[in-house]
Protein backbone atom coordinates (compact mmCIF):
# COMPACT_ATOMS: atom_id res chain seq x y z
CA MET A 1 65.75 107.73 122.96
CA PRO A 2 64.97 110.70 120.67
CA SER A 3 64.30 109.78 117.07
CA LEU A 4 66.29 111.32 114.24
CA PRO A 5 63.35 113.58 113.22
CA ILE A 6 63.19 114.95 116.80
CA LEU A 7 66.91 115.73 116.71
CA THR A 8 66.43 117.33 113.30
CA GLU A 9 63.83 119.70 114.73
CA GLN A 10 66.22 120.55 117.55
CA LEU A 11 68.88 121.47 114.98
CA LYS A 12 66.40 123.58 113.04
CA SER A 13 65.80 125.57 116.22
CA ARG A 14 69.60 126.17 116.36
CA ARG A 15 70.16 124.02 119.43
CA ASP A 16 73.46 122.13 119.66
CA LEU A 17 73.55 118.39 120.24
CA SER A 18 74.89 116.85 123.44
CA PRO A 19 77.42 113.98 123.18
CA GLU A 20 74.61 111.55 124.01
CA GLU A 21 72.42 112.98 121.25
CA VAL A 22 75.31 112.77 118.80
CA GLY A 23 75.66 109.10 119.69
CA GLU A 24 71.96 108.53 119.04
CA ALA A 25 72.14 110.40 115.73
CA ALA A 26 75.24 108.50 114.61
CA ALA A 27 73.59 105.16 115.40
CA ALA A 28 70.54 106.17 113.37
CA LEU A 29 72.64 107.36 110.43
CA ALA A 30 74.58 104.07 110.40
CA SER A 31 71.37 102.04 110.52
CA ALA A 32 69.93 100.32 107.45
CA GLY A 33 66.45 100.74 108.89
CA ILE A 34 66.26 104.55 108.65
CA GLY A 35 65.12 106.10 105.38
CA GLU A 36 67.54 108.13 103.29
CA ASP A 37 65.18 111.12 103.24
CA VAL A 38 65.14 111.21 107.05
CA LYS A 39 68.94 111.01 107.17
CA ALA A 40 69.28 113.70 104.51
CA GLU A 41 66.99 116.10 106.37
CA PHE A 42 69.01 115.63 109.56
CA LEU A 43 72.37 116.19 107.85
CA ALA A 44 71.10 119.27 105.99
CA ALA A 45 69.74 120.76 109.23
CA PHE A 46 73.03 120.00 110.99
CA ALA A 47 75.01 121.82 108.30
CA ALA A 48 72.59 124.75 108.31
CA LYS A 49 72.98 125.17 112.08
CA GLY A 50 76.75 124.84 111.82
CA GLU A 51 78.54 121.92 113.44
CA THR A 52 80.55 122.86 116.53
CA ALA A 53 84.00 121.48 117.35
CA ALA A 54 82.47 119.56 120.25
CA GLU A 55 79.79 118.00 118.04
CA VAL A 56 82.34 117.01 115.40
CA ALA A 57 84.57 115.46 118.08
CA SER A 58 81.60 113.51 119.43
CA PHE A 59 80.75 112.19 115.96
CA ALA A 60 84.39 111.21 115.46
CA ARG A 61 84.45 109.30 118.76
CA VAL A 62 81.41 107.28 117.73
CA PHE A 63 82.76 106.34 114.31
CA ARG A 64 86.22 105.64 115.69
CA SER A 65 84.60 103.14 118.05
CA LEU A 66 82.78 101.50 115.13
CA ALA A 67 85.89 101.23 112.94
CA VAL A 68 87.88 98.03 112.41
CA ASN A 69 90.89 98.11 114.73
CA PRO A 70 94.10 97.38 112.77
CA GLY A 71 96.06 96.74 115.97
CA VAL A 72 98.77 99.37 115.43
CA GLU A 73 98.83 100.83 118.94
CA ALA A 74 102.56 100.11 119.27
CA TRP A 75 103.32 102.72 116.59
CA ALA A 76 100.48 105.21 117.04
CA GLY A 77 102.20 107.35 119.69
CA ARG A 78 104.90 108.48 117.25
CA ALA A 79 102.91 108.31 114.01
CA ILE A 80 101.46 111.12 111.89
CA ASP A 81 98.72 111.38 109.29
CA ILE A 82 99.07 113.82 106.38
CA VAL A 83 95.56 114.28 105.07
CA GLY A 84 93.06 116.66 103.51
CA THR A 85 89.30 116.79 103.73
CA GLY A 86 88.94 117.03 99.96
CA GLY A 87 86.08 118.99 98.54
CA ASP A 88 88.03 122.06 97.44
CA ARG A 89 87.67 121.27 93.72
CA ALA A 90 90.92 123.17 93.13
CA GLY A 91 92.47 120.45 90.97
CA GLY A 92 95.63 120.10 93.04
CA PHE A 93 98.13 117.24 92.87
CA ASN A 94 98.16 114.42 95.49
CA ILE A 95 100.60 116.29 97.70
CA SER A 96 99.95 114.36 100.92
CA SER A 97 100.60 110.99 99.27
CA ILE A 98 104.10 111.96 98.17
CA VAL A 99 104.76 113.66 101.51
CA THR A 100 103.95 110.29 103.11
CA LEU A 101 106.79 108.69 101.14
CA VAL A 102 109.22 111.50 101.98
CA LEU A 103 108.47 111.14 105.69
CA ALA A 104 108.77 107.34 105.63
CA SER A 105 112.11 107.78 103.85
CA ALA A 106 113.18 110.09 106.68
CA GLY A 107 112.46 107.41 109.27
CA ALA A 108 109.17 108.89 110.47
CA THR A 109 106.12 106.66 110.99
CA VAL A 110 103.12 107.58 108.85
CA MET A 111 99.57 106.26 109.11
CA LYS A 112 97.68 107.62 106.13
CA HIS A 113 93.93 107.26 105.92
CA GLY A 114 92.22 107.86 102.58
CA ASN A 115 89.89 106.89 99.80
CA ARG A 116 89.59 106.86 96.06
CA GLY A 117 88.82 110.13 94.31
CA ILE A 118 85.32 111.39 95.08
CA THR A 119 85.61 115.13 94.48
CA SER A 120 88.84 114.81 92.48
CA ALA A 121 90.07 112.85 89.46
CA CYS A 122 92.68 111.03 91.54
CA GLY A 123 92.37 110.30 95.24
CA SER A 124 95.08 109.22 97.65
CA ALA A 125 94.00 105.58 97.38
CA ASP A 126 94.23 105.73 93.58
CA ILE A 127 97.83 106.90 93.55
CA MET A 128 98.91 104.72 96.47
CA ALA A 129 97.53 101.64 94.70
CA ALA A 130 99.35 102.61 91.52
CA LEU A 131 102.59 102.92 93.51
CA GLY A 132 102.22 99.37 94.78
CA VAL A 133 100.10 99.51 97.94
CA ASP A 134 97.54 96.72 98.34
CA LEU A 135 94.40 98.55 99.44
CA GLU A 136 92.81 95.34 100.69
CA ALA A 137 95.82 94.19 102.72
CA PRO A 138 94.77 92.59 106.03
CA PRO A 139 95.76 94.20 109.33
CA ALA A 140 98.71 91.83 109.82
CA LYS A 141 100.19 92.96 106.51
CA ILE A 142 99.54 96.58 107.46
CA ARG A 143 101.44 96.13 110.71
CA ALA A 144 104.34 94.56 108.81
CA ALA A 145 104.29 97.51 106.39
CA ILE A 146 104.67 99.97 109.24
CA ASP A 147 107.53 97.94 110.64
CA GLN A 148 109.35 97.44 107.33
CA LEU A 149 108.37 100.45 105.20
CA GLY A 150 107.64 103.06 107.84
CA PHE A 151 104.12 103.76 106.63
CA ALA A 152 100.67 102.26 106.32
CA PHE A 153 97.71 103.19 104.18
CA PHE A 154 94.28 102.57 105.66
CA PHE A 155 91.75 102.35 102.82
CA ALA A 156 88.67 103.94 104.37
CA PRO A 157 85.99 101.55 103.00
CA ALA A 158 87.86 98.56 104.44
CA TYR A 159 87.90 100.03 107.96
CA HIS A 160 84.54 101.77 108.29
CA PRO A 161 81.67 99.31 107.75
CA ALA A 162 79.35 101.76 109.53
CA PHE A 163 79.67 104.14 106.58
CA ARG A 164 78.03 101.68 104.18
CA ASN A 165 74.55 102.84 105.13
CA ILE A 166 75.59 106.50 104.93
CA GLY A 167 77.16 106.48 101.47
CA PRO A 168 73.89 106.65 99.49
CA VAL A 169 72.59 109.70 101.37
CA ARG A 170 75.97 111.43 101.02
CA LYS A 171 75.79 110.94 97.27
CA ALA A 172 72.23 112.24 97.17
CA LEU A 173 73.22 115.34 99.14
CA ALA A 174 76.28 115.92 96.96
CA ALA A 175 74.12 115.74 93.84
CA ARG A 176 72.20 118.76 95.05
CA GLY A 177 75.30 120.61 96.23
CA GLN A 178 74.69 120.00 99.92
CA ARG A 179 77.69 119.27 102.14
CA SER A 180 77.43 117.39 105.43
CA VAL A 181 79.52 116.61 108.49
CA PHE A 182 80.82 113.57 106.60
CA ASN A 183 82.69 115.88 104.24
CA ILE A 184 85.12 116.64 107.04
CA LEU A 185 84.86 113.59 109.31
CA GLY A 186 87.20 111.27 107.38
CA PRO A 187 90.51 112.74 108.62
CA LEU A 188 89.28 112.51 112.23
CA VAL A 189 88.46 108.79 112.15
CA ASN A 190 91.81 107.32 111.07
CA PRO A 191 91.57 103.76 112.48
CA GLY A 192 95.26 103.83 113.45
CA ARG A 193 94.67 106.89 115.70
CA PRO A 194 98.10 108.48 115.09
CA ALA A 195 99.18 110.97 117.74
CA HIS A 196 100.12 113.67 115.21
CA ILE A 197 98.39 115.20 112.21
CA LEU A 198 98.83 117.73 109.43
CA LEU A 199 95.27 118.30 108.27
CA GLY A 200 94.19 120.43 105.35
CA THR A 201 90.60 121.58 105.00
CA TYR A 202 88.68 122.88 102.00
CA SER A 203 87.20 125.75 104.01
CA GLU A 204 88.89 128.53 105.95
CA ALA A 205 85.97 128.52 108.39
CA TRP A 206 86.68 124.90 109.29
CA VAL A 207 90.31 125.50 110.35
CA PRO A 208 89.56 126.48 114.00
CA ARG A 209 86.71 124.00 114.33
CA LEU A 210 88.77 121.04 113.13
CA ALA A 211 91.69 122.12 115.31
CA GLY A 212 89.32 122.29 118.26
CA ALA A 213 87.79 118.90 117.49
CA LEU A 214 91.20 117.23 117.21
CA ASP A 215 92.24 118.89 120.46
CA GLU A 216 89.18 117.41 122.17
CA LEU A 217 90.08 114.01 120.72
CA GLY A 218 93.46 114.16 122.45
CA THR A 219 95.75 114.64 119.46
CA ALA A 220 99.29 115.13 120.81
CA ALA A 221 100.36 117.71 118.23
CA GLY A 222 99.28 118.91 114.82
CA LEU A 223 98.17 121.70 112.57
CA ALA A 224 94.91 122.39 110.77
CA VAL A 225 95.58 124.37 107.60
CA HIS A 226 93.86 125.97 104.64
CA GLY A 227 95.46 127.52 101.56
CA ILE A 228 93.68 130.75 100.57
CA LEU A 229 93.46 131.26 96.80
CA GLY A 230 91.13 134.25 96.86
CA PRO A 231 87.73 135.35 98.14
CA ASP A 232 85.77 132.17 98.89
CA ARG A 233 88.40 130.08 97.08
CA GLY A 234 90.91 127.80 98.68
CA ILE A 235 92.62 124.42 98.84
CA ASP A 236 92.85 121.74 101.50
CA GLU A 237 96.65 122.00 101.52
CA MET A 238 99.42 124.22 102.78
CA THR A 239 101.18 125.44 99.63
CA THR A 240 103.82 127.82 98.33
CA ALA A 241 101.18 129.46 96.14
CA THR A 242 98.78 130.52 98.89
CA VAL A 243 98.47 132.41 102.11
CA ASN A 244 98.11 129.52 104.55
CA ARG A 245 95.76 129.86 107.50
CA ILE A 246 97.24 127.84 110.37
CA ARG A 247 95.80 126.71 113.69
CA GLY A 248 97.68 124.50 116.15
CA ILE A 249 96.51 121.35 117.91
CA GLY A 250 97.71 119.70 121.12
CA ARG A 251 101.09 121.04 122.25
CA LEU A 252 100.96 123.43 119.27
CA ARG A 253 97.52 124.81 120.15
CA ASP A 254 98.83 128.33 120.78
CA ILE A 255 99.66 128.73 117.08
CA ALA A 256 97.10 130.83 115.21
CA THR A 257 98.70 132.59 112.28
CA ASP A 258 99.24 132.79 108.54
CA TRP A 259 102.26 131.27 106.81
CA ARG A 260 103.63 132.16 103.38
CA ALA A 261 106.35 130.57 101.27
CA GLU A 262 108.74 133.45 101.92
CA ASP A 263 108.50 132.85 105.68
CA PHE A 264 110.63 129.77 105.01
CA GLY A 265 112.88 131.16 102.32
CA LEU A 266 110.87 129.62 99.50
CA ARG A 267 109.59 131.21 96.30
CA THR A 268 105.92 132.09 96.03
CA SER A 269 104.74 130.00 93.10
CA PRO A 270 101.81 130.35 90.72
CA PHE A 271 99.01 127.96 91.58
CA ASP A 272 99.18 126.39 88.11
CA GLU A 273 102.44 124.74 89.22
CA LEU A 274 100.51 122.78 91.85
CA LYS A 275 97.84 121.34 89.62
CA GLY A 276 97.37 117.64 89.08
CA GLY A 277 95.00 115.61 86.96
CA ASP A 278 93.96 112.02 86.48
CA LEU A 279 96.00 109.05 87.68
CA ALA A 280 98.24 108.91 84.60
CA THR A 281 99.00 112.63 84.89
CA ASN A 282 99.81 112.39 88.59
CA LEU A 283 102.04 109.35 88.11
CA ALA A 284 103.99 111.23 85.44
CA LEU A 285 104.36 114.18 87.80
CA THR A 286 105.54 111.83 90.55
CA GLU A 287 108.19 110.38 88.27
CA ALA A 288 109.38 113.87 87.38
CA LEU A 289 109.49 115.00 91.01
CA ILE A 290 111.48 112.04 92.29
CA GLY A 291 113.90 112.55 89.42
CA GLY A 292 114.63 116.11 90.49
CA GLY A 293 112.26 117.78 88.04
CA GLY A 294 108.60 118.63 87.90
CA PRO A 295 106.99 122.01 88.48
CA PRO A 296 109.16 123.97 90.97
CA GLY A 297 106.18 125.15 93.00
CA LEU A 298 104.92 121.59 93.40
CA ALA A 299 108.34 120.34 94.52
CA ASP A 300 108.63 123.23 96.98
CA THR A 301 105.14 122.55 98.35
CA ILE A 302 105.94 118.87 98.96
CA VAL A 303 109.21 119.88 100.63
CA LEU A 304 107.43 122.46 102.82
CA ASN A 305 104.71 120.04 103.94
CA SER A 306 107.31 117.36 104.65
CA ALA A 307 109.41 119.76 106.73
CA VAL A 308 106.35 120.91 108.68
CA ALA A 309 105.38 117.30 109.38
CA LEU A 310 108.88 116.42 110.58
CA TRP A 311 108.67 119.40 112.94
CA ILE A 312 105.21 118.40 114.22
CA CYS A 313 106.60 114.95 115.06
CA GLY A 314 109.51 116.51 116.92
CA ARG A 315 112.11 115.18 114.51
CA THR A 316 113.46 118.68 113.78
CA ALA A 317 113.76 121.80 115.93
CA SER A 318 112.10 124.02 113.33
CA VAL A 319 110.41 123.85 109.95
CA ARG A 320 113.43 125.42 108.26
CA ASP A 321 115.66 122.70 109.70
CA GLY A 322 113.75 120.06 107.74
CA LEU A 323 113.64 121.72 104.32
CA GLY A 324 117.01 120.54 103.06
CA GLN A 325 116.49 117.00 104.30
CA ALA A 326 113.05 116.81 102.71
CA ARG A 327 114.32 118.07 99.35
CA GLU A 328 117.19 115.57 99.30
CA LEU A 329 114.85 112.70 100.14
CA LEU A 330 112.34 113.72 97.46
CA SER A 331 114.73 114.13 94.56
CA GLY A 332 117.90 112.35 95.66
CA GLY A 333 116.69 108.77 95.22
CA ALA A 334 115.24 107.90 98.64
CA VAL A 335 111.60 108.21 97.60
CA ARG A 336 112.26 106.24 94.42
CA ARG A 337 113.78 103.47 96.55
CA LYS A 338 110.81 103.63 98.95
CA ILE A 339 108.40 103.13 96.03
CA ALA A 340 110.42 100.14 94.82
CA ALA A 341 110.45 98.68 98.32
CA THR A 342 106.69 99.20 98.58
CA ARG A 343 106.06 97.33 95.33
CA GLU A 344 108.30 94.47 96.46
CA PHE A 345 106.72 94.30 99.92
CA PHE A 346 103.11 94.07 98.72
CA ALA A 347 103.97 91.73 95.83
CA ALA A 348 105.40 89.20 98.29
CA ARG A 349 102.94 86.68 99.67
């Protein structure tokens, strides 16, 4: 079995890793017996070479196999995850979290996978917990949530024990401005394995690679997206303020295009209308949005993402067909009722 330093030298010579070598590397990275400096050198060399879609898919397969199984196979075939890689440092609101509630209110099944804020002031886990979700709920409670609420939230640290020995090296790399494959792996290792996905990435260059990786992983249908803010600036969301680079996955794999707000009859908004902040700020924005207010561009962006997700799941014939429904659910009381139901569900013992 090649050691991690041998694989590191292979990467430095710009040679791709085979699936077997990825498995060996992943086992070494998850091991407590390998030094952080050795792991860091491997991950830096991997990033410098450029991870291929096949390599990313192989890494995802390994860490999926190591994840805690929540036992939600009965729902996975119709479920969707709305998720971003993070790392864009654009300061956007928690769009995907509110989209989750819109979709659940529409009768869709959502399996959201996320964490507390790492590169942002408020992560999806932070806002979900504040809206009543028990992040430490056992799998049986999670299954009941899907059945009764229409959505589940998988708190990443509770489902990925293999990441415990990778966290310190990730932090060390981040401190020196070095990204790694783990910056984009999270959305690919959802322990529920939903068949559909709307995935936003911080980097335009990652759109085709993530689409390719998810295709290799057998995703039934989805989109990988990136919102372009300017040269070398973007956001891991599809928004009404950006040109949105789109690449299809699964039965949508032939889609490779750009989408703009006006393509769907929506106003192009200034990016400032999409900005969030800390937890208190984002909760106040949530309250405004579900009451029919809030920044118009933010409301439109949530509506657009919700309509796209409904279309990906096959619940509407087109994105435009879902816009009106999504807007009514967001501001007409359904999402407010879903939040109340969520609080009641997780408060019950």
